[in-house]
């Protein structure tokens, strides 16, 4: 009888223990995988924090385009200290940009090097407003100094607060000083996957930003505007072929925008 009970216990307890041990191993393994899995923020696709769908733009904000979301964990391209020093030693170019520059910057840098031989140092950060780019300009000026040419390819993310833009342009011009040339790419935002009233606000706010830039150029002769918005407006079929979402460039748009920037550099 005792042997029979032992046999029954082994038949029941043995598999039960094995099941418990297996479940424990799976739980620990799952926890480790969760810890090791890259965060979604780290793999965010190239875009600004401007929402691309109407569902995410419930809050129209003070100016109709919505509000600027968190951008600090989005994709970025920032030159090393050695690259910054190279651009200074050879009087190359500093470029500060947002998600368009993150997307198109490598092609632009190659184009500039091949056509002018200039070294380029970049501070490109998806989603950043102009205030953050000017903060970076101030930081580089304090730590390294500045070359004679600076490209500012920011402003698209200021559609959420257009009145703040003018003061940031003034900050940038003060930091650069009157002896350096600042080349500033103006903006075109007209998101294609948002309600019509938000898209209209995007266009109105883009025009507002560009007008402030034009006024600043009157005050600062060393501020030269790269008129990306006017180029898009001049296309026979409008900007659609040049923009994949109403903001970011298609391959055709990338080449056109980079060429406009290059021409401005060659002229100065």
Protein backbone atom coordinates (compact mmCIF):
# COMPACT_ATOMS: atom_id res chain seq x y z
CA UNK A 1 0.00 0.00 0.00
CA UNK A 2 2.85 2.38 0.92
CA UNK A 3 4.62 1.71 -2.34
CA UNK A 4 1.36 2.31 -4.20
CA UNK A 5 0.92 5.72 -2.50
CA UNK A 6 4.49 6.65 -3.33
CA UNK A 7 3.87 5.76 -6.94
CA UNK A 8 0.75 7.89 -7.09
CA UNK A 9 2.62 10.81 -5.41
CA UNK A 10 5.43 10.59 -7.96
CA UNK A 11 2.93 10.51 -10.81
CA UNK A 12 1.15 13.66 -9.54
CA UNK A 13 3.80 15.70 -7.71
CA UNK A 14 6.61 15.21 -10.22
CA UNK A 15 4.77 16.74 -13.23
CA UNK A 16 3.27 19.44 -10.96
CA UNK A 17 6.75 20.53 -9.84
CA UNK A 18 7.97 20.50 -13.43
CA UNK A 19 5.05 22.72 -14.48
CA UNK A 20 5.72 25.18 -11.63
CA UNK A 21 9.44 25.36 -12.48
CA UNK A 22 8.67 25.90 -16.18
CA UNK A 23 6.24 28.71 -15.42
CA UNK A 24 8.82 30.34 -13.20
CA UNK A 25 11.46 30.19 -15.94
CA UNK A 26 9.04 31.66 -18.49
CA UNK A 27 8.14 34.50 -16.13
CA UNK A 28 11.80 35.38 -15.52
CA UNK A 29 12.62 35.12 -19.22
CA UNK A 30 9.68 37.33 -20.16
CA UNK A 31 10.80 39.94 -17.64
CA UNK A 32 14.31 39.96 -19.07
CA UNK A 33 13.00 40.31 -22.60
CA UNK A 34 10.84 43.23 -21.51
CA UNK A 35 13.88 44.92 -20.02
CA UNK A 36 16.01 44.31 -23.10
CA UNK A 37 13.39 45.32 -25.69
CA UNK A 38 14.23 48.74 -27.22
CA UNK A 39 11.78 51.45 -26.31
CA UNK A 40 9.43 52.67 -29.01
CA UNK A 41 10.74 56.19 -28.54
CA UNK A 42 14.21 55.13 -29.64
CA UNK A 43 12.86 53.80 -32.94
CA UNK A 44 10.56 56.70 -33.72
CA UNK A 45 10.39 57.31 -37.44
CA UNK A 46 11.71 60.55 -38.82
CA UNK A 47 9.07 63.17 -38.18
CA UNK A 48 8.48 66.28 -36.24
CA UNK A 49 6.09 66.29 -33.31
CA UNK A 50 3.48 67.90 -35.53
CA UNK A 51 0.65 65.32 -35.44
CA UNK A 52 -0.12 63.80 -38.84
CA UNK A 53 -3.69 62.64 -38.23
CA UNK A 54 -6.82 64.49 -37.23
CA UNK A 55 -7.44 62.06 -34.37
CA UNK A 56 -4.34 63.31 -32.58
CA UNK A 57 -5.15 66.99 -33.10
CA UNK A 58 -8.22 67.32 -30.88
CA UNK A 59 -6.77 70.37 -29.13
CA UNK A 60 -6.54 73.12 -31.75
CA UNK A 61 -4.38 75.20 -29.45
CA UNK A 62 -4.28 78.98 -29.40
CA UNK A 63 -3.55 79.32 -33.14
CA UNK A 64 -5.52 76.47 -34.68
CA UNK A 65 -2.69 74.07 -35.50
CA UNK A 66 -2.68 72.24 -32.16
CA UNK A 67 0.08 72.19 -29.59
CA UNK A 68 3.72 71.14 -29.73
CA UNK A 69 4.22 67.71 -28.20
CA UNK A 70 7.28 66.24 -26.55
CA UNK A 71 10.22 66.16 -28.95
CA UNK A 72 13.27 65.60 -26.73
CA UNK A 73 13.40 61.84 -27.37
CA UNK A 74 12.92 62.01 -31.13
CA UNK A 75 15.60 61.29 -33.70
CA UNK A 76 18.57 63.63 -33.94
CA UNK A 77 21.89 64.07 -35.74
CA UNK A 78 24.51 66.09 -33.86
CA UNK A 79 28.11 66.41 -35.01
CA UNK A 80 30.97 65.31 -32.80
CA UNK A 81 33.27 67.86 -31.22
CA UNK A 82 35.94 66.94 -33.77
CA UNK A 83 33.55 67.66 -36.66
CA UNK A 84 32.62 70.97 -35.07
CA UNK A 85 36.28 71.92 -34.71
CA UNK A 86 36.96 70.95 -38.34
CA UNK A 87 34.17 73.22 -39.53
CA UNK A 88 35.67 76.06 -37.50
CA UNK A 89 39.29 75.54 -38.52
CA UNK A 90 38.39 75.50 -42.22
CA UNK A 91 35.68 78.18 -41.85
CA UNK A 92 32.97 75.81 -42.98
CA UNK A 93 29.28 75.83 -42.10
CA UNK A 94 27.18 75.26 -39.00
CA UNK A 95 23.68 73.99 -39.72
CA UNK A 96 20.80 73.81 -37.23
CA UNK A 97 17.68 71.94 -38.33
CA UNK A 98 14.59 69.98 -37.38
CA UNK A 99 13.15 66.73 -38.75
CA UNK A 100 13.56 67.81 -42.38
CA UNK A 101 17.27 68.19 -41.74
CA UNK A 102 17.42 64.88 -39.88
CA UNK A 103 15.88 63.25 -42.95
CA UNK A 104 17.71 65.17 -45.69
CA UNK A 105 20.90 66.27 -43.93
CA UNK A 106 23.31 63.57 -45.01
CA UNK A 107 22.51 64.17 -48.67
CA UNK A 108 22.91 67.93 -48.13
CA UNK A 109 26.27 67.57 -46.42
CA UNK A 110 27.54 65.36 -49.24
CA UNK A 111 26.27 67.87 -51.81
CA UNK A 112 28.00 70.78 -50.05
CA UNK A 113 31.30 68.95 -49.67
CA UNK A 114 31.31 67.83 -53.29
CA UNK A 115 30.40 71.25 -54.70
CA UNK A 116 32.19 73.64 -52.33
CA UNK A 117 34.64 71.56 -50.32
CA UNK A 118 33.25 73.04 -47.09
CA UNK A 119 33.18 71.15 -43.82
CA UNK A 120 29.74 71.02 -42.21
CA UNK A 121 28.79 70.56 -38.55
CA UNK A 122 25.13 69.92 -37.78
CA UNK A 123 22.70 70.07 -34.89
CA UNK A 124 19.55 68.48 -36.33
CA UNK A 125 16.78 67.38 -33.95
CA UNK A 126 13.34 66.19 -34.97
CA UNK A 127 10.52 68.24 -33.56
CA UNK A 128 12.62 70.99 -32.07
CA UNK A 129 11.19 74.51 -32.18
CA UNK A 130 13.34 77.46 -33.14
CA UNK A 131 13.99 78.33 -29.50
CA UNK A 132 15.80 75.01 -28.96
CA UNK A 133 17.87 75.43 -32.12
CA UNK A 134 18.91 78.92 -31.01
CA UNK A 135 19.81 77.50 -27.60
CA UNK A 136 22.12 75.07 -29.39
CA UNK A 137 23.59 77.93 -31.46
CA UNK A 138 24.32 79.86 -28.25
CA UNK A 139 25.91 76.79 -26.69
CA UNK A 140 28.21 76.20 -29.67
CA UNK A 141 29.14 79.88 -29.82
CA UNK A 142 30.11 79.80 -26.14
CA UNK A 143 32.03 76.52 -26.31
CA UNK A 144 33.61 76.66 -29.76
CA UNK A 145 32.97 79.94 -31.55
CA UNK A 146 31.20 80.28 -34.90
CA UNK A 147 32.20 80.13 -38.57
CA UNK A 148 31.30 82.91 -40.99
CA UNK A 149 28.20 81.09 -42.37
CA UNK A 150 25.32 79.62 -40.38
CA UNK A 151 22.31 77.83 -41.86
CA UNK A 152 19.10 77.83 -39.82
CA UNK A 153 16.63 75.26 -41.19
CA UNK A 154 14.04 75.55 -38.43
CA UNK A 155 10.61 77.09 -37.96
CA UNK A 156 8.14 74.38 -39.01
CA UNK A 157 7.47 73.44 -35.39
CA UNK A 158 6.71 77.07 -34.53
CA UNK A 159 3.31 76.93 -36.23
CA UNK A 160 1.87 76.10 -32.80
CA UNK A 161 3.05 79.44 -31.38
CA UNK A 162 3.89 81.78 -34.27
CA UNK A 163 4.31 84.99 -32.22
CA UNK A 164 7.28 83.46 -30.38
CA UNK A 165 9.26 83.06 -33.60
CA UNK A 166 10.37 86.67 -34.14
CA UNK A 167 12.16 86.88 -30.79
CA UNK A 168 14.09 83.71 -31.57
CA UNK A 169 15.25 85.11 -34.90
CA UNK A 170 16.48 88.20 -33.04
CA UNK A 171 18.32 85.99 -30.56
CA UNK A 172 20.01 84.09 -33.38
CA UNK A 173 21.07 87.28 -35.15
CA UNK A 174 22.46 88.72 -31.92
CA UNK A 175 24.48 85.56 -31.28
CA UNK A 176 25.78 85.46 -34.86
CA UNK A 177 26.68 89.15 -34.88
CA UNK A 178 26.70 91.47 -37.90
CA UNK A 179 29.82 90.05 -39.54
CA UNK A 180 28.47 86.53 -40.15
CA UNK A 181 25.96 85.46 -42.79
CA UNK A 182 22.88 83.66 -41.52
CA UNK A 183 20.99 81.70 -44.18
CA UNK A 184 17.47 80.85 -43.01
CA UNK A 185 15.16 78.38 -44.77
CA UNK A 186 11.56 79.54 -44.51
CA UNK A 187 8.72 77.11 -43.89
CA UNK A 188 5.78 75.39 -45.50
CA UNK A 189 3.43 73.30 -43.37
CA UNK A 190 0.11 72.05 -44.73
CA UNK A 191 -0.54 68.64 -43.24
CA UNK A 192 -2.53 66.45 -45.58
CA UNK A 193 -4.14 64.09 -43.05
CA UNK A 194 -5.83 66.61 -40.76
CA UNK A 195 -9.23 68.33 -40.87
CA UNK A 196 -9.55 71.22 -43.29
CA UNK A 197 -9.62 73.90 -40.59
CA UNK A 198 -6.35 72.68 -39.08
CA UNK A 199 -4.71 72.51 -42.48
CA UNK A 200 -5.84 76.09 -43.14
CA UNK A 201 -4.33 77.12 -39.78
CA UNK A 202 -1.06 75.39 -40.71
CA UNK A 203 -0.85 77.41 -43.90
CA UNK A 204 -1.79 80.67 -42.19
CA UNK A 205 0.72 80.13 -39.39
CA UNK A 206 3.45 79.21 -41.88
CA UNK A 207 2.82 82.46 -43.73
CA UNK A 208 2.92 84.34 -40.41
CA UNK A 209 6.31 82.81 -39.56
CA UNK A 210 7.67 83.62 -43.01
CA UNK A 211 6.48 87.21 -42.76
CA UNK A 212 8.31 87.64 -39.47
CA UNK A 213 11.43 86.31 -41.16
CA UNK A 214 11.06 88.83 -43.99
CA UNK A 215 10.74 91.67 -41.45
CA UNK A 216 13.87 90.45 -39.66
CA UNK A 217 15.80 90.44 -42.94
CA UNK A 218 14.99 94.14 -43.35
CA UNK A 219 16.55 94.83 -39.95
CA UNK A 220 19.54 92.54 -40.49
CA UNK A 221 21.31 92.81 -43.86
CA UNK A 222 23.34 89.68 -43.06
CA UNK A 223 20.17 87.57 -42.80
CA UNK A 224 19.43 85.89 -46.14
CA UNK A 225 16.22 83.95 -46.65
CA UNK A 226 16.08 80.67 -48.56
CA UNK A 227 12.54 80.79 -49.90
CA UNK A 228 11.44 77.16 -49.79
CA UNK A 229 7.76 78.12 -49.48
CA UNK A 230 7.88 80.28 -52.60
CA UNK A 231 9.60 77.50 -54.53
CA UNK A 232 6.82 75.06 -53.62
CA UNK A 233 4.13 77.59 -54.53
CA UNK A 234 5.74 78.10 -57.94
CA UNK A 235 5.47 74.46 -58.97
CA UNK A 236 2.89 73.84 -61.73
CA UNK A 237 1.13 71.12 -59.74
CA UNK A 238 1.71 72.67 -56.34
CA UNK A 239 3.82 71.15 -53.57
CA UNK A 240 2.29 67.66 -53.59
CA UNK A 241 5.06 65.98 -55.60
CA UNK A 242 7.72 67.53 -53.35
CA UNK A 243 6.14 66.67 -49.99
CA UNK A 244 5.05 63.26 -48.81
CA UNK A 245 2.84 64.49 -45.96
CA UNK A 246 2.54 68.24 -46.40
CA UNK A 247 5.74 68.87 -44.39
CA UNK A 248 8.53 66.39 -45.07
CA UNK A 249 10.09 66.01 -48.47
CA UNK A 250 9.76 63.28 -51.05
CA UNK A 251 12.98 62.37 -52.91
CA UNK A 252 12.14 65.06 -55.46
CA UNK A 253 11.56 67.60 -52.71
CA UNK A 254 14.74 66.63 -50.88
CA UNK A 255 16.85 67.26 -53.95
CA UNK A 256 15.11 70.57 -54.66
CA UNK A 257 15.38 71.86 -51.09
CA UNK A 258 19.01 70.84 -50.75
CA UNK A 259 19.80 72.53 -54.05
CA UNK A 260 18.19 75.75 -52.85
CA UNK A 261 20.33 75.67 -49.71
CA UNK A 262 23.46 74.95 -51.74
CA UNK A 263 22.79 77.86 -54.11
CA UNK A 264 22.41 80.22 -51.15
CA UNK A 265 25.72 79.00 -49.72
CA UNK A 266 27.47 79.45 -53.05
CA UNK A 267 26.12 83.01 -53.29
CA UNK A 268 27.61 83.93 -49.93
